[in-house]
Structures are given as structure tokens and as C-alpha cells.
Amino acid sequence: MGGLDPVPIDSGLGGSYYFRNDEGDRVAIVKPTDEEPFAPNNPKGFTGRALGQPGLKKSVRVGETGFREVAAYLLDHENFANVPATALVKITHSVFNINRPMNGGTPAHDHKPQVTSKIASFQQFIAHDFDASDHGTSSFPVAAVHRIGILDIRIFNTDRHGGNVLVRKLDGGTGRFGCQTELFPIDHGLCLPENLEDPYFEWIHWAQASIPFSEEELEYISKLDPMRDAAMLRGELPMIREACLRVLILCTIFLKEAAAFGLCLAEIGEMMTREFRGMEEEPSKLEVVCMEARRKVDEWEPFSPSVEQGEDMDFQFSMDVLGGYSDVIRSPRFNCSGLKGSFRNPLTKLVESMNEDGDDEEDRKEPSMHSSDRFSSADFSTPSLHRTTSSKTSSNSSMHAPNRSADEQLPSSLCFVRLSDMSAEEWHVFVEKFQELLKEALEECKAAAGQRMKQRLGTSCKF
């Protein structure tokens, strides 16, 4: 590529670079995968983990945000949300950072630069005037907010803040307020996690998100095909993990059902967002539905272990048995009203896994890969992604770590329901049960929203 030397970008936690043309104009932003936060060659001091270990988000591994940027672009059909063109490339330049061991107190950046090739996300640079964090949201078009929100829900974006929504003025006005604007969403490296986490949607508090979807938006949503999208990503990005695709399928189904039911963008986002009550993090309404669907899968006859007559399924045991896992498996307080049946105690799953480990010593030594994890980080054919974990990392970072679920490697993370450990047959049943339970949850949500509106209207009339 001709032009001037790339310019390192000071902002952000990872290494990123502006690429310019001969006139000095910025044309692209390049983010090497091995310079992400916590990656071995991060130029800003945020290192300490090997590629494939949990990153900023427990369910997004170090070195795997680049292909997520590409996935968001590929999923933005017809450029509906204005995601800039993005590709995964192999690129060579001496400006890229390589962290070398300290040599007599000399920092790595004092060494003579060398030309190096890296795998990186390569995204079109969008000329803009501001970002949404320093611009009044009242001028944002309703359609633009809706389109970004629709994308964020589909890809379960865990990091949609105002700083990654670029704003371009359209009418040539001089001020930041009262002018027509165009929005461009960027930075999708923390989308499509391997498990449901707590997403962050900045737009959930914007007035535009409470306006009903237009007919055009509803038609776009109705035509979304999650299975076709998953198949497309498997072909275009063979390194993507099956667990990420399950999140995509689940969230797209949820979006389609919720939109058809009449929920607005803000209501859908609220159903996906966790709440804190009494310093306890509670599962979102979406996670509650998933937990009940998972319980029904576990009780489904082909998967359920035979139970002898009179066997008492309720049992207690000391928390001492859990050891270091006592902070992982927590039974959060939440309201299960509106969903039939009681949720399975998550501790029973732990006991079953402990029993299975005790029955087969070889399985403990050589953990098998779930079908959902068949794409390991080694499938990403670049030398920089084959690094092994150093001896200074924890025991969780074994040679099998890249093949394990990210939240298994950091047991302190809170995961209410797993999608990655189901077989293909179990996953099929789970999706069916999820869709059945979702209708009831949507009815409850709509009724609660109507009650809140009724209370507000009633209060406003009191003197």
C-alpha cells in the first residue's frame, strides 16, 4: 500500500494505527491481533496473558477481537447500520510493536525497529466531526439509533458506549447541537462472546430507543435468518468458535420474536441487561428464559439419567466441598414468576461434573473438546497466534487452555447459563424450548411495561 508511514494511535488500550494515503489523509485503521489489551505485544503496557486466554471480557479471548470486527461488518447486511468496511489481513511494517525482554534495563521500544508481519483487522477510516460521548443525542436520527441497536442486539455487543459511535454533521452547521447528523458504529471487538454476559448499550437511555420500530425496520428484522448468518460466518471466518455462533443465533431469534411482539428497542435492551439488587448481580430476563430452557433440556428424557423410585433429588452438602469454586456457582436471587416450573439448582451440575471426574481419571488428564469448541486458536494460521503460555501464568493456562471456554479459565466470572457445553442435539432442543418460553416472558414484559405507563399517567394527574 502506497502512502506515508502509519501513525500509532494514542487512545485506547490496544495497539492501533492510522494508515494514510499520499496526500496524508487517513484511509484506514489497523489493529494487530497480538497488540490487543493483555496480548504479548501490546505497546501500552497492558500485557501478561497469552493469546487464547480471557481478555477484557471473560468470554472474549485475547487475540480474537479482530475477527469479531469483521463479523460485525459481514452481519451488517445492506450496510443497514453503517458499519465501516472491515477485513482481516496479513500486513507487514516496521511500525508495529514487538515487546522484547528487558536487556540491561533497556526498554523494548529503544531497540532498532524491524519489519514484521502480523494478522490485523483493517477497517475503513470514517471522517467524522464528533463521537456520541461529546455530542447531544437529541439530533441523532431515530432510524440511525434503531439500526445500530438492532445490530448490537444480534451480536450481543458488550461494549456499545458513546465513544464508539461516530457522528458526522450533514448540513454543514458550525455547532454541535441542532444539526442533522449521520451515525457510524465502530469497535465491535467485544461482540459475540462465548457466553451471555452483561451487555452494555449506551443507546438504551436515549429517547429514540423508546420509539416503536418503523415498518422498514420490522421488515428488515423479519428477514433475518440466524442459521444462514451462522453458516456464512463459518465459511468466511473459519476460526470463529461455535459458542459465538450460538450466541448470534439465540440473540437473533430473541430480536425477531420481541420485535414481532411489539417491543421497542429500549424494552428489548432492558430484557438483555442484568440488574444489581442488594449488591447481588441478577440474571437478565433473557438469561432467566435461557436458564429455564436449559433446565428443560436437562430433564428431557434422552438426556436425563434414570432415577430410581423413591430417590430423593433434594440434597445438601457442605460448601467446603466446593473449595475454590464457591465464588463461581452462586444461586442468585431472582423472580421466576411467569415461567412454569422451578429452576434447577446450579450446584447439582457441579456435583455431577465432580462425580464424572472421579469416575474417569484419564478424562481429567486429557479434557475432551466440546463440539462447540472445535475451532481452536491454532486454527488461526499465523505464527504469532501459536504462542504457548509462559510458566509465570496460572495453572488454568495449560496447553489445553485455548480449547476451553473462556469463563472456565477465569472461575471468578459469573455465568448463569452455558451455551457451549451442549451437544448438537441438546442445542436443537434448547432452541425449541427457548422459543416456547420466550413468548410467555414477552407477554409478562409487555404487561409490566403497560403497568409502568399506567402508573406514570395516573401520577401525573394527581394534585
Protein backbone atom coordinates (compact mmCIF):
# COMPACT_ATOMS: atom_id res chain seq x y z
CA MET A 1 0.00 0.00 0.00
CA GLY A 2 1.48 3.35 -1.02
CA GLY A 3 1.46 6.47 1.09
CA LEU A 4 3.06 7.74 4.26
CA ASP A 5 4.17 5.74 7.27
CA PRO A 6 1.37 4.61 9.60
CA VAL A 7 0.78 6.68 12.74
CA PRO A 8 0.28 4.95 16.12
CA ILE A 9 -2.96 5.96 17.84
CA ASP A 10 -2.51 7.08 21.44
CA SER A 11 -6.08 6.49 22.60
CA GLY A 12 -7.42 3.10 23.63
CA LEU A 13 -5.84 0.18 25.47
CA GLY A 14 -4.64 -1.75 22.42
CA GLY A 15 -2.20 -1.07 19.63
CA SER A 16 -3.83 0.59 16.62
CA TYR A 17 -2.53 2.64 13.70
CA TYR A 18 -3.78 5.19 11.18
CA PHE A 19 -2.85 4.33 7.60
CA ARG A 20 -2.66 7.33 5.26
CA ASN A 21 -2.57 7.94 1.53
CA ASP A 22 -0.09 10.10 -0.40
CA GLU A 23 -2.00 13.26 0.49
CA GLY A 24 -1.72 12.48 4.19
CA ASP A 25 -5.41 11.67 4.59
CA ARG A 26 -6.36 8.87 6.94
CA VAL A 27 -7.86 5.99 5.00
CA ALA A 28 -7.82 3.02 7.38
CA ILE A 29 -7.35 1.92 10.99
CA VAL A 30 -5.28 -1.22 11.57
CA LYS A 31 -5.38 -3.23 14.81
CA PRO A 32 -2.90 -6.14 15.06
CA THR A 33 -4.31 -9.10 16.96
CA ASP A 34 -1.17 -9.56 19.07
CA GLU A 35 -1.32 -5.93 20.27
CA GLU A 36 -4.77 -6.17 21.84
CA PRO A 37 -5.14 -5.46 25.58
CA PHE A 38 -3.25 -8.17 27.55
CA ALA A 39 -1.73 -9.60 24.35
CA PRO A 40 2.05 -10.28 24.28
CA ASN A 41 2.96 -7.31 22.05
CA ASN A 42 0.62 -4.69 23.48
CA PRO A 43 2.51 -1.38 23.17
CA LYS A 44 0.86 0.35 26.14
CA GLY A 45 1.90 -1.94 28.96
CA PHE A 46 -1.29 -4.00 29.14
CA THR A 47 0.32 -7.43 28.79
CA GLY A 48 0.52 -10.58 30.88
CA ARG A 49 -1.71 -13.12 29.13
CA ALA A 50 -1.19 -15.49 26.26
CA LEU A 51 -3.25 -15.48 23.09
CA GLY A 52 -6.39 -17.53 23.69
CA GLN A 53 -6.75 -16.63 27.37
CA PRO A 54 -9.65 -14.50 28.66
CA GLY A 55 -9.34 -10.83 27.77
CA LEU A 56 -11.10 -7.64 28.85
CA LYS A 57 -14.33 -9.64 28.77
CA LYS A 58 -14.15 -13.13 30.21
CA SER A 59 -15.92 -14.65 27.20
CA VAL A 60 -13.77 -12.89 24.59
CA ARG A 61 -10.26 -14.28 24.35
CA VAL A 62 -7.05 -12.35 23.85
CA GLY A 63 -6.21 -12.16 20.15
CA GLU A 64 -9.76 -12.83 18.97
CA THR A 65 -11.29 -9.35 18.77
CA GLY A 66 -10.06 -8.80 15.20
CA PHE A 67 -12.27 -11.38 13.53
CA ARG A 68 -15.21 -10.12 15.59
CA GLU A 69 -14.74 -6.72 13.96
CA VAL A 70 -15.00 -8.44 10.60
CA ALA A 71 -18.02 -10.49 11.73
CA ALA A 72 -19.94 -7.34 12.66
CA TYR A 73 -19.31 -5.91 9.19
CA LEU A 74 -20.35 -9.14 7.46
CA LEU A 75 -23.54 -9.31 9.53
CA ASP A 76 -24.48 -5.72 8.72
CA HIS A 77 -26.47 -6.74 5.65
CA GLU A 78 -27.03 -3.98 3.11
CA ASN A 79 -24.88 -1.73 5.33
CA PHE A 80 -28.05 -1.26 7.38
CA ALA A 81 -26.22 0.10 10.47
CA ASN A 82 -23.34 1.85 8.62
CA VAL A 83 -20.55 -0.41 9.91
CA PRO A 84 -17.37 0.63 8.04
CA ALA A 85 -15.88 -1.89 5.61
CA THR A 86 -13.62 -4.27 7.57
CA ALA A 87 -11.34 -7.15 6.61
CA LEU A 88 -8.85 -9.48 8.27
CA VAL A 89 -5.43 -9.05 6.66
CA LYS A 90 -1.81 -10.08 6.91
CA ILE A 91 0.18 -6.86 6.93
CA THR A 92 3.89 -6.01 7.18
CA HIS A 93 5.51 -2.84 8.50
CA SER A 94 8.28 -1.77 10.86
CA VAL A 95 5.93 0.50 12.84
CA PHE A 96 4.23 -2.44 14.53
CA ASN A 97 5.23 -3.13 18.12
CA ILE A 98 7.29 -6.11 19.27
CA ASN A 99 7.90 -6.41 23.01
CA ARG A 100 11.37 -7.79 23.68
CA PRO A 101 12.79 -8.92 27.02
CA MET A 102 14.45 -6.22 29.08
CA ASN A 103 18.17 -6.07 28.25
CA GLY A 104 20.23 -4.34 30.87
CA GLY A 105 17.34 -2.07 31.71
CA THR A 106 16.79 -1.01 28.07
CA PRO A 107 13.08 -0.88 27.16
CA ALA A 108 11.92 -2.83 24.13
CA HIS A 109 10.97 0.30 22.18
CA ASP A 110 14.58 1.54 22.30
CA HIS A 111 15.70 -1.31 20.06
CA LYS A 112 16.10 -0.77 16.35
CA PRO A 113 12.73 -1.28 14.60
CA GLN A 114 12.38 -4.34 12.42
CA VAL A 115 9.91 -5.24 9.71
CA THR A 116 7.34 -7.72 10.97
CA SER A 117 4.19 -9.31 9.56
CA LYS A 118 1.02 -9.52 11.61
CA ILE A 119 -2.62 -10.55 11.35
CA ALA A 120 -4.79 -7.50 11.90
CA SER A 121 -8.24 -6.06 11.41
CA PHE A 122 -8.22 -3.46 8.63
CA GLN A 123 -11.13 -1.02 8.79
CA GLN A 124 -12.05 1.91 6.58
CA PHE A 125 -11.48 5.24 8.32
CA ILE A 126 -14.66 7.30 8.59
CA ALA A 127 -14.24 11.08 8.55
CA HIS A 128 -16.40 12.47 11.36
CA ASP A 129 -16.93 15.56 13.48
CA PHE A 130 -17.52 14.07 16.94
CA ASP A 131 -18.43 10.87 18.70
CA ALA A 132 -21.62 10.31 20.65
CA SER A 133 -19.91 10.80 24.01
CA ASP A 134 -19.42 14.54 23.42
CA HIS A 135 -22.47 15.33 21.31
CA GLY A 136 -26.07 15.91 22.33
CA THR A 137 -28.14 12.89 21.37
CA SER A 138 -31.28 14.87 20.51
CA SER A 139 -30.08 15.40 16.93
CA PHE A 140 -29.47 11.71 16.27
CA PRO A 141 -31.89 10.28 13.69
CA VAL A 142 -34.32 7.75 15.13
CA ALA A 143 -33.63 5.35 12.27
CA ALA A 144 -29.85 5.51 12.82
CA VAL A 145 -30.19 4.73 16.53
CA HIS A 146 -32.59 1.87 15.79
CA ARG A 147 -30.29 0.37 13.17
CA ILE A 148 -27.27 0.41 15.45
CA GLY A 149 -29.37 -1.07 18.25
CA ILE A 150 -30.68 -3.85 16.02
CA LEU A 151 -27.10 -4.81 15.15
CA ASP A 152 -25.98 -4.63 18.80
CA ILE A 153 -28.77 -6.97 19.89
CA ARG A 154 -27.99 -9.50 17.16
CA ILE A 155 -24.28 -9.63 18.02
CA PHE A 156 -24.78 -9.20 21.80
CA ASN A 157 -22.45 -6.21 21.94
CA THR A 158 -20.92 -5.94 25.41
CA ASP A 159 -19.29 -2.55 24.78
CA ARG A 160 -21.55 -0.09 22.95
CA HIS A 161 -20.57 3.20 24.59
CA GLY A 162 -20.77 6.71 23.17
CA GLY A 163 -17.11 6.74 22.17
CA ASN A 164 -17.58 4.07 19.50
CA VAL A 165 -20.46 5.78 17.72
CA LEU A 166 -19.02 8.32 15.28
CA VAL A 167 -21.08 11.40 14.41
CA ARG A 168 -20.89 13.26 11.11
CA LYS A 169 -22.77 16.52 10.52
CA LEU A 170 -24.74 16.65 7.28
CA ASP A 171 -25.89 20.25 6.97
CA GLY A 172 -22.54 21.99 7.41
CA GLY A 173 -23.58 23.63 10.67
CA THR A 174 -20.94 25.06 12.97
CA GLY A 175 -22.38 23.95 16.30
CA ARG A 176 -22.74 20.55 17.91
CA PHE A 177 -26.47 20.86 18.53
CA GLY A 178 -29.49 21.29 16.29
CA CYS A 179 -27.86 19.95 13.11
CA GLN A 180 -28.66 16.86 11.04
CA THR A 181 -26.26 14.01 11.73
CA GLU A 182 -25.20 10.60 10.47
CA LEU A 183 -24.01 7.81 12.79
CA PHE A 184 -21.33 5.16 12.24
CA PRO A 185 -20.80 2.31 14.77
CA ILE A 186 -17.20 1.10 15.22
CA ASP A 187 -15.14 -1.06 17.62
CA HIS A 188 -17.02 -4.36 17.61
CA GLY A 189 -14.20 -6.47 19.03
CA LEU A 190 -16.18 -7.32 22.18
CA CYS A 191 -19.27 -8.66 20.44
CA LEU A 192 -20.30 -12.31 20.02
CA PRO A 193 -18.97 -13.54 23.39
CA GLU A 194 -18.78 -17.27 24.07
CA ASN A 195 -21.39 -16.97 26.82
CA LEU A 196 -24.09 -14.49 27.74
CA GLU A 197 -22.57 -11.72 29.84
CA ASP A 198 -23.91 -8.32 30.85
CA PRO A 199 -24.11 -6.26 27.64
CA TYR A 200 -23.70 -2.51 27.57
CA PHE A 201 -26.00 -0.49 25.34
CA GLU A 202 -25.44 3.27 25.61
CA TRP A 203 -28.50 3.89 23.43
CA ILE A 204 -30.83 2.22 25.93
CA HIS A 205 -31.21 5.60 27.69
CA TRP A 206 -31.70 7.64 24.51
CA ALA A 207 -35.21 8.84 23.70
CA GLN A 208 -35.01 7.38 20.19
CA ALA A 209 -34.80 3.84 21.61
CA SER A 210 -38.29 4.16 23.13
CA ILE A 211 -39.91 4.96 19.78
CA PRO A 212 -41.51 1.93 18.07
CA PHE A 213 -39.76 0.33 15.11
CA SER A 214 -40.76 1.54 11.65
CA GLU A 215 -42.29 -0.78 9.06
CA GLU A 216 -38.97 -0.81 7.17
CA GLU A 217 -37.08 -1.84 10.31
CA LEU A 218 -39.62 -4.54 11.16
CA GLU A 219 -39.34 -5.92 7.64
CA TYR A 220 -35.54 -6.00 7.88
CA ILE A 221 -35.74 -7.84 11.22
CA SER A 222 -38.29 -10.33 9.91
CA LYS A 223 -36.00 -11.28 7.02
CA LEU A 224 -33.01 -12.03 9.26
CA ASP A 225 -32.01 -15.69 9.12
CA PRO A 226 -29.79 -16.66 12.07
CA MET A 227 -28.93 -20.09 10.68
CA ARG A 228 -27.86 -18.62 7.35
CA ASP A 229 -25.82 -15.94 9.13
CA ALA A 230 -24.06 -18.58 11.23
CA ALA A 231 -23.27 -20.65 8.14
CA MET A 232 -21.93 -17.56 6.39
CA LEU A 233 -19.59 -16.75 9.28
CA ARG A 234 -18.34 -20.34 9.40
CA GLY A 235 -17.35 -20.03 5.76
CA GLU A 236 -15.88 -16.52 5.92
CA LEU A 237 -14.23 -16.81 9.36
CA PRO A 238 -13.36 -20.47 10.00
CA MET A 239 -11.59 -19.54 13.23
CA ILE A 240 -14.81 -18.35 14.90
CA ARG A 241 -15.96 -20.57 17.73
CA GLU A 242 -19.26 -22.40 17.65
CA ALA A 243 -20.18 -20.91 21.04
CA CYS A 244 -20.08 -17.42 19.48
CA LEU A 245 -22.39 -18.55 16.70
CA ARG A 246 -24.84 -19.93 19.24
CA VAL A 247 -24.98 -16.51 20.89
CA LEU A 248 -25.69 -14.98 17.47
CA ILE A 249 -28.47 -17.47 16.75
CA LEU A 250 -30.04 -17.05 20.17
CA CYS A 251 -29.99 -13.25 20.10
CA THR A 252 -31.33 -13.05 16.54
CA ILE A 253 -34.25 -15.31 17.45
CA PHE A 254 -34.87 -13.17 20.52
CA LEU A 255 -34.81 -9.95 18.46
CA LYS A 256 -37.20 -11.33 15.84
CA GLU A 257 -39.70 -12.58 18.42
CA ALA A 258 -39.53 -9.44 20.56
CA ALA A 259 -39.91 -7.07 17.61
CA ALA A 260 -42.84 -9.06 16.22
CA PHE A 261 -44.43 -8.95 19.67
CA GLY A 262 -44.34 -5.15 19.61
CA LEU A 263 -41.46 -4.34 21.95
CA CYS A 264 -39.39 -1.25 21.22
CA LEU A 265 -35.59 -1.15 21.14
CA ALA A 266 -35.23 0.06 24.73
CA GLU A 267 -37.52 -2.69 26.06
CA ILE A 268 -35.55 -5.35 24.19
CA GLY A 269 -32.27 -3.97 25.52
CA GLU A 270 -33.62 -3.94 29.07
CA MET A 271 -34.58 -7.61 28.82
CA MET A 272 -30.95 -8.41 27.94
CA THR A 273 -29.40 -6.29 30.71
CA ARG A 274 -28.63 -7.55 34.21
CA GLU A 275 -29.67 -5.73 37.37
CA PHE A 276 -27.97 -5.26 40.73
CA ARG A 277 -30.10 -5.69 43.82
CA GLY A 278 -28.61 -5.64 47.28
CA MET A 279 -25.08 -5.80 45.83
CA GLU A 280 -26.00 -9.02 44.01
CA GLU A 281 -25.88 -9.33 40.23
CA GLU A 282 -29.06 -10.93 38.96
CA PRO A 283 -29.59 -12.62 35.61
CA SER A 284 -31.31 -10.67 32.87
CA LYS A 285 -34.79 -11.65 31.72
CA LEU A 286 -33.17 -13.21 28.65
CA GLU A 287 -30.87 -15.28 30.86
CA VAL A 288 -33.79 -16.37 33.04
CA VAL A 289 -35.53 -17.76 29.95
CA CYS A 290 -32.29 -19.48 28.92
CA MET A 291 -31.86 -20.99 32.38
CA GLU A 292 -35.35 -22.45 32.28
CA ALA A 293 -34.81 -23.75 28.74
CA ARG A 294 -31.56 -25.36 29.87
CA ARG A 295 -33.35 -26.99 32.79
CA LYS A 296 -35.90 -28.46 30.41
CA VAL A 297 -33.10 -29.77 28.20
CA ASP A 298 -31.52 -31.47 31.23
CA GLU A 299 -34.89 -33.03 32.07
CA TRP A 300 -35.59 -34.14 28.51
CA GLU A 301 -35.85 -37.94 28.53
CA PRO A 302 -32.97 -38.84 26.15
CA PHE A 303 -30.56 -36.73 28.25
CA SER A 304 -31.94 -37.37 31.76
CA PRO A 305 -30.28 -40.00 33.97
CA SER A 306 -32.64 -42.70 35.22
CA VAL A 307 -33.92 -42.07 38.72
CA GLU A 308 -34.91 -44.92 40.98
CA GLN A 309 -38.33 -44.84 42.60
CA GLY A 310 -38.31 -43.02 45.90
CA GLU A 311 -34.92 -41.43 45.32
CA ASP A 312 -34.73 -38.04 46.95
CA MET A 313 -33.43 -35.50 44.44
CA ASP A 314 -33.16 -32.77 47.08
CA PHE A 315 -29.84 -32.95 48.85
CA GLN A 316 -27.49 -30.71 50.75
CA PHE A 317 -23.76 -30.69 51.17
CA SER A 318 -21.19 -28.52 52.81
CA MET A 319 -19.86 -25.53 50.87
CA ASP A 320 -16.42 -26.78 51.87
CA VAL A 321 -16.76 -29.37 49.10
CA LEU A 322 -16.73 -26.56 46.55
CA GLY A 323 -13.38 -25.20 47.63
CA GLY A 324 -12.25 -22.51 45.21
CA TYR A 325 -15.47 -22.82 43.23
CA SER A 326 -17.68 -21.41 45.96
CA ASP A 327 -17.46 -17.96 44.36
CA VAL A 328 -18.31 -19.30 40.92
CA ILE A 329 -21.51 -21.25 41.44
CA ARG A 330 -23.90 -18.87 43.11
CA SER A 331 -27.64 -19.16 43.29
CA PRO A 332 -28.73 -15.58 42.60
CA ARG A 333 -32.00 -14.17 43.84
CA PHE A 334 -34.42 -13.51 41.05
CA ASN A 335 -38.15 -13.59 40.37
CA CYS A 336 -39.22 -16.62 38.35
CA SER A 337 -42.83 -15.52 38.09
CA GLY A 338 -44.33 -16.08 34.69
CA LEU A 339 -42.19 -19.13 33.94
CA LYS A 340 -43.55 -22.55 34.76
CA GLY A 341 -41.51 -24.91 36.86
CA SER A 342 -38.59 -24.24 39.16
CA PHE A 343 -35.05 -23.67 38.00
CA ARG A 344 -32.54 -26.39 38.56
CA ASN A 345 -30.09 -25.62 41.34
CA PRO A 346 -26.78 -24.85 39.61
CA LEU A 347 -24.95 -26.74 42.35
CA THR A 348 -26.35 -30.02 41.04
CA LYS A 349 -24.49 -29.50 37.78
CA LEU A 350 -21.26 -29.04 39.70
CA VAL A 351 -21.80 -32.23 41.72
CA GLU A 352 -22.44 -34.19 38.52
CA SER A 353 -19.24 -32.89 36.97
CA MET A 354 -17.30 -33.74 40.15
CA ASN A 355 -18.67 -37.29 40.06
CA GLU A 356 -17.81 -37.68 36.40
CA ASP A 357 -14.26 -36.51 37.08
CA GLY A 358 -13.94 -39.05 39.86
CA ASP A 359 -15.11 -41.88 37.62
CA ASP A 360 -12.59 -41.28 34.86
CA GLU A 361 -9.07 -40.24 35.78
CA GLU A 362 -7.99 -40.15 32.15
CA ASP A 363 -10.70 -37.62 31.28
CA ARG A 364 -9.29 -35.31 33.91
CA LYS A 365 -5.83 -35.55 32.42
CA GLU A 366 -6.96 -35.12 28.83
CA PRO A 367 -10.10 -32.96 28.76
CA SER A 368 -12.06 -33.54 25.59
CA MET A 369 -13.19 -30.72 23.33
CA HIS A 370 -16.88 -29.98 23.06
CA SER A 371 -18.26 -29.73 19.57
CA SER A 372 -18.82 -26.04 20.25
CA ASP A 373 -15.09 -25.54 20.76
CA ARG A 374 -13.83 -27.33 17.68
CA PHE A 375 -12.27 -24.12 16.35
CA SER A 376 -9.18 -23.60 18.46
CA SER A 377 -6.91 -20.60 18.32
CA ALA A 378 -4.44 -22.80 16.47
CA ASP A 379 -6.82 -22.77 13.50
CA PHE A 380 -5.86 -19.12 13.01
CA SER A 381 -2.93 -19.77 10.67
CA THR A 382 -0.42 -17.16 11.73
CA PRO A 383 2.80 -17.81 13.65
CA SER A 384 2.04 -15.13 16.25
CA LEU A 385 -1.09 -17.00 17.33
CA HIS A 386 0.72 -20.24 18.17
CA ARG A 387 2.44 -18.86 21.26
CA THR A 388 2.34 -21.07 24.32
CA THR A 389 1.60 -19.86 27.80
CA SER A 390 4.61 -18.82 29.84
CA SER A 391 5.47 -20.54 33.09
CA LYS A 392 4.51 -17.42 35.02
CA THR A 393 0.83 -17.74 34.14
CA SER A 394 -1.64 -19.57 36.35
CA SER A 395 -2.37 -23.28 36.22
CA ASN A 396 -5.55 -22.50 34.30
CA SER A 397 -3.34 -21.62 31.33
CA SER A 398 -2.38 -25.16 30.45
CA MET A 399 -1.62 -26.43 26.99
CA HIS A 400 -5.33 -27.16 26.65
CA ALA A 401 -6.40 -23.64 27.64
CA PRO A 402 -7.10 -22.36 24.10
CA ASN A 403 -9.67 -25.14 23.66
CA ARG A 404 -11.57 -24.38 26.85
CA SER A 405 -14.37 -21.93 27.43
CA ALA A 406 -13.03 -18.54 28.37
CA ASP A 407 -15.03 -18.32 31.58
CA GLU A 408 -13.68 -21.71 32.68
CA GLN A 409 -10.20 -20.20 32.65
CA LEU A 410 -11.30 -17.37 34.95
CA PRO A 411 -13.53 -19.07 37.55
CA SER A 412 -14.30 -15.74 39.22
CA SER A 413 -16.55 -14.72 36.31
CA LEU A 414 -20.30 -15.01 36.74
CA CYS A 415 -22.04 -17.11 34.11
CA PHE A 416 -25.67 -18.00 34.72
CA VAL A 417 -26.12 -20.35 31.77
CA ARG A 418 -23.71 -22.02 29.37
CA LEU A 419 -24.37 -22.45 25.68
CA SER A 420 -21.04 -24.02 24.73
CA ASP A 421 -21.26 -27.36 26.53
CA MET A 422 -24.38 -28.69 24.80
CA SER A 423 -24.20 -31.31 22.08
CA ALA A 424 -25.74 -30.54 18.70
CA GLU A 425 -28.87 -32.48 19.64
CA GLU A 426 -29.16 -30.75 23.01
CA TRP A 427 -28.68 -27.37 21.34
CA HIS A 428 -31.53 -28.12 18.93
CA VAL A 429 -33.85 -28.99 21.82
CA PHE A 430 -32.66 -25.93 23.76
CA VAL A 431 -33.60 -23.59 20.90
CA GLU A 432 -37.07 -25.15 20.69
CA LYS A 433 -37.65 -24.80 24.45
CA PHE A 434 -36.26 -21.26 24.39
CA GLN A 435 -38.75 -20.17 21.74
CA GLU A 436 -41.63 -21.73 23.67
CA LEU A 437 -40.69 -20.00 26.93
CA LEU A 438 -39.86 -16.69 25.26
CA LYS A 439 -43.45 -15.98 24.26
CA GLU A 440 -44.56 -16.15 27.88
CA ALA A 441 -41.69 -13.92 29.02
CA LEU A 442 -42.52 -11.34 26.33
CA GLU A 443 -46.15 -11.23 27.42
CA GLU A 444 -45.04 -10.63 31.00
CA CYS A 445 -42.62 -7.90 29.92
CA LYS A 446 -45.26 -6.15 27.83
CA ALA A 447 -47.76 -6.26 30.69
CA ALA A 448 -45.18 -4.83 33.10
CA ALA A 449 -44.36 -2.04 30.65
CA GLY A 450 -48.04 -1.18 30.30
CA GLN A 451 -48.44 -1.10 34.07
CA ARG A 452 -45.49 1.28 34.41
CA MET A 453 -47.01 3.58 31.79
CA LYS A 454 -50.38 3.46 33.55
CA GLN A 455 -48.76 4.37 36.86
CA ARG A 456 -46.90 7.31 35.30
CA LEU A 457 -50.05 8.64 33.66
CA GLY A 458 -52.02 8.26 36.88
CA THR A 459 -49.39 10.02 38.94
CA SER A 460 -49.14 12.94 36.53
CA CYS A 461 -52.85 13.68 37.01
CA LYS A 462 -52.68 13.92 40.80
CA PHE A 463 -52.61 17.31 42.53
